[in-house]
Every structure is written in structure tokens, then in C-alpha cells.
């Protein structure tokens, strides 16, 4: 049985962060939204994405 992508996708802007948000806020958005990738916004414009692996890399660098 084939399932359409629309049946399993999540809305693009349901979980996003502002480019000036800190990493702790970003982790909170990811955890509460149960997502691994979220858009980064500048006002009403998407300017990038951040992935959970990006945050893990930052934490790893802080622990060195």
C-alpha cells in the first residue's frame, strides 16, 4: 500500500526559531515539537535550518 507524503508530513512552520534565539530555546522547540530539523527565521522569511546534530556538535565543542 502506498501512502501519500501529505499524510505523514509536518507543516513547515509549525516549529521554527528566530535567528536571534539561543541554542537552549532551540533545543526546547525541537524536544517539544519532536523534530530533528527546524527552520530558522528572520522576521517572516526562512533564512536557514538547524539540525539536532548541529546542536550536538556545539555541545561537544563546549565539553572539550
N, C-alpha and C. Protein backbone atom coordinates (compact mmCIF):
# COMPACT_ATOMS: atom_id res chain seq x y z
N UNK A 1 0.84 -1.17 0.00
CA UNK A 1 0.00 0.00 0.00
C UNK A 1 0.89 1.24 0.00
N UNK A 2 0.64 2.16 -0.90
CA UNK A 2 1.40 3.40 -0.97
C UNK A 2 0.67 4.49 -0.20
N UNK A 3 1.45 5.30 0.51
CA UNK A 3 0.90 6.41 1.30
C UNK A 3 1.43 7.71 0.72
N UNK A 4 0.56 8.66 0.53
CA UNK A 4 0.98 9.96 0.04
C UNK A 4 1.80 10.69 1.10
N UNK A 5 2.78 11.45 0.65
CA UNK A 5 3.62 12.23 1.55
C UNK A 5 2.78 13.17 2.41
N UNK A 6 1.73 13.72 1.85
CA UNK A 6 0.88 14.66 2.60
C UNK A 6 0.27 14.03 3.85
N UNK A 7 0.19 12.71 3.88
CA UNK A 7 -0.38 12.03 5.04
C UNK A 7 0.61 11.90 6.19
N UNK A 8 1.89 12.06 5.95
CA UNK A 8 2.89 11.89 7.00
C UNK A 8 3.75 13.13 7.24
N UNK A 9 3.61 14.14 6.40
CA UNK A 9 4.43 15.34 6.54
C UNK A 9 3.97 16.20 7.71
N UNK A 10 4.87 17.08 8.13
CA UNK A 10 4.54 18.08 9.15
C UNK A 10 4.55 19.44 8.49
N UNK A 11 3.72 20.36 8.95
CA UNK A 11 3.75 21.71 8.38
C UNK A 11 5.14 22.33 8.55
N UNK A 12 5.59 23.06 7.55
CA UNK A 12 6.93 23.62 7.56
C UNK A 12 7.16 24.58 8.72
N UNK A 13 6.20 25.43 9.00
CA UNK A 13 6.43 26.46 10.00
C UNK A 13 5.72 26.17 11.32
N UNK A 14 5.41 24.92 11.60
CA UNK A 14 4.78 24.61 12.88
C UNK A 14 5.78 24.73 14.02
N UNK A 15 7.05 24.46 13.75
CA UNK A 15 8.13 24.60 14.73
C UNK A 15 9.26 25.35 14.05
N UNK A 16 9.55 26.54 14.54
CA UNK A 16 10.66 27.30 13.97
C UNK A 16 11.26 28.18 15.06
N UNK A 17 12.45 28.71 14.79
CA UNK A 17 13.12 29.61 15.72
C UNK A 17 13.55 30.85 14.97
N UNK A 18 13.74 31.93 15.71
CA UNK A 18 14.26 33.16 15.15
C UNK A 18 15.78 33.07 15.14
N UNK A 19 16.41 33.73 14.20
CA UNK A 19 17.87 33.67 14.09
C UNK A 19 18.57 34.19 15.33
N UNK A 20 17.89 34.98 16.15
CA UNK A 20 18.49 35.52 17.37
C UNK A 20 18.16 34.71 18.62
N UNK A 21 17.39 33.64 18.48
CA UNK A 21 17.10 32.76 19.62
C UNK A 21 18.39 32.05 20.04
N UNK A 22 18.48 31.70 21.31
CA UNK A 22 19.67 30.98 21.76
C UNK A 22 19.49 29.47 21.58
N UNK A 23 20.56 28.75 21.75
CA UNK A 23 20.53 27.31 21.49
C UNK A 23 19.64 26.56 22.48
N UNK A 24 19.54 27.05 23.72
CA UNK A 24 18.67 26.38 24.70
C UNK A 24 17.20 26.46 24.24
N UNK A 25 16.80 27.62 23.73
CA UNK A 25 15.43 27.76 23.21
C UNK A 25 15.22 26.83 22.02
N UNK A 26 16.24 26.72 21.19
CA UNK A 26 16.15 25.86 20.01
C UNK A 26 15.98 24.40 20.41
N UNK A 27 16.75 23.96 21.39
CA UNK A 27 16.62 22.58 21.88
C UNK A 27 15.22 22.36 22.41
N UNK A 28 14.68 23.33 23.15
CA UNK A 28 13.33 23.20 23.70
C UNK A 28 12.29 23.06 22.60
N UNK A 29 12.41 23.85 21.54
CA UNK A 29 11.47 23.76 20.42
C UNK A 29 11.56 22.38 19.76
N UNK A 30 12.78 21.88 19.59
CA UNK A 30 12.95 20.56 18.99
C UNK A 30 12.35 19.46 19.85
N UNK A 31 12.59 19.54 21.15
CA UNK A 31 12.09 18.50 22.05
C UNK A 31 10.56 18.52 22.15
N UNK A 32 9.99 19.70 22.32
CA UNK A 32 8.53 19.76 22.45
C UNK A 32 7.83 19.44 21.14
N UNK A 33 8.47 19.81 20.02
CA UNK A 33 7.87 19.52 18.72
C UNK A 33 8.22 18.15 18.18
N UNK A 34 9.13 17.44 18.87
CA UNK A 34 9.58 16.11 18.46
C UNK A 34 10.07 16.12 17.01
N UNK A 35 10.95 17.12 16.72
CA UNK A 35 11.52 17.26 15.38
C UNK A 35 13.04 17.33 15.48
N UNK A 36 13.71 16.97 14.40
CA UNK A 36 15.17 17.00 14.35
C UNK A 36 15.72 18.13 13.51
N UNK A 37 14.87 18.74 12.72
CA UNK A 37 15.27 19.84 11.85
C UNK A 37 14.19 20.91 11.93
N UNK A 38 14.61 22.16 12.11
CA UNK A 38 13.62 23.24 12.15
C UNK A 38 14.12 24.44 11.35
N UNK A 39 13.20 25.18 10.75
CA UNK A 39 13.58 26.38 10.01
C UNK A 39 14.04 27.49 10.96
N UNK A 40 14.99 28.28 10.49
CA UNK A 40 15.44 29.46 11.20
C UNK A 40 14.90 30.67 10.43
N UNK A 41 14.22 31.54 11.16
CA UNK A 41 13.51 32.66 10.53
C UNK A 41 14.20 33.99 10.83
N UNK A 42 14.12 34.89 9.87
CA UNK A 42 14.47 36.29 10.05
C UNK A 42 13.20 37.06 9.71
N UNK A 43 12.48 37.45 10.75
CA UNK A 43 11.15 38.03 10.54
C UNK A 43 10.22 36.97 9.98
N UNK A 44 9.65 37.23 8.80
CA UNK A 44 8.74 36.25 8.20
C UNK A 44 9.40 35.46 7.07
N UNK A 45 10.74 35.52 7.01
CA UNK A 45 11.47 34.86 5.93
C UNK A 45 12.38 33.77 6.49
N UNK A 46 12.30 32.58 5.91
CA UNK A 46 13.20 31.49 6.30
C UNK A 46 14.58 31.77 5.75
N UNK A 47 15.60 31.72 6.63
CA UNK A 47 16.97 32.02 6.21
C UNK A 47 17.90 30.81 6.35
N UNK A 48 17.38 29.73 6.92
CA UNK A 48 18.20 28.53 7.07
C UNK A 48 17.46 27.46 7.84
N UNK A 49 18.21 26.42 8.18
CA UNK A 49 17.67 25.35 9.03
C UNK A 49 18.71 25.04 10.10
N UNK A 50 18.26 24.46 11.17
CA UNK A 50 19.18 23.93 12.16
C UNK A 50 18.76 22.50 12.47
N UNK A 51 19.76 21.64 12.57
CA UNK A 51 19.51 20.22 12.82
C UNK A 51 19.97 19.87 14.22
N UNK A 52 19.41 18.82 14.78
CA UNK A 52 19.83 18.39 16.11
C UNK A 52 21.32 18.05 16.13
N UNK A 53 21.85 17.50 15.05
CA UNK A 53 23.28 17.18 15.00
C UNK A 53 24.12 18.45 15.11
N UNK A 54 23.63 19.57 14.56
CA UNK A 54 24.35 20.85 14.69
C UNK A 54 24.46 21.24 16.17
N UNK A 55 23.38 21.05 16.90
CA UNK A 55 23.38 21.38 18.32
C UNK A 55 24.28 20.44 19.11
N UNK A 56 24.28 19.15 18.76
CA UNK A 56 25.18 18.21 19.42
C UNK A 56 26.63 18.58 19.17
N UNK A 57 26.95 19.04 17.98
CA UNK A 57 28.32 19.47 17.68
C UNK A 57 28.73 20.65 18.55
N UNK A 58 27.82 21.60 18.74
CA UNK A 58 28.11 22.75 19.60
C UNK A 58 28.37 22.28 21.03
N UNK A 59 27.53 21.39 21.53
CA UNK A 59 27.69 20.87 22.89
C UNK A 59 29.03 20.14 23.00
N UNK A 60 29.37 19.34 21.99
CA UNK A 60 30.64 18.62 22.00
C UNK A 60 31.82 19.56 22.07
N UNK A 61 31.77 20.67 21.33
CA UNK A 61 32.85 21.64 21.35
C UNK A 61 32.97 22.32 22.72
N UNK A 62 31.83 22.57 23.35
CA UNK A 62 31.85 23.18 24.68
C UNK A 62 32.45 22.26 25.73
N UNK A 63 32.31 20.95 25.54
CA UNK A 63 32.82 19.98 26.52
C UNK A 63 34.31 19.69 26.36
N UNK A 64 34.90 20.12 25.28
CA UNK A 64 36.33 19.85 25.06
C UNK A 64 37.20 20.68 25.95
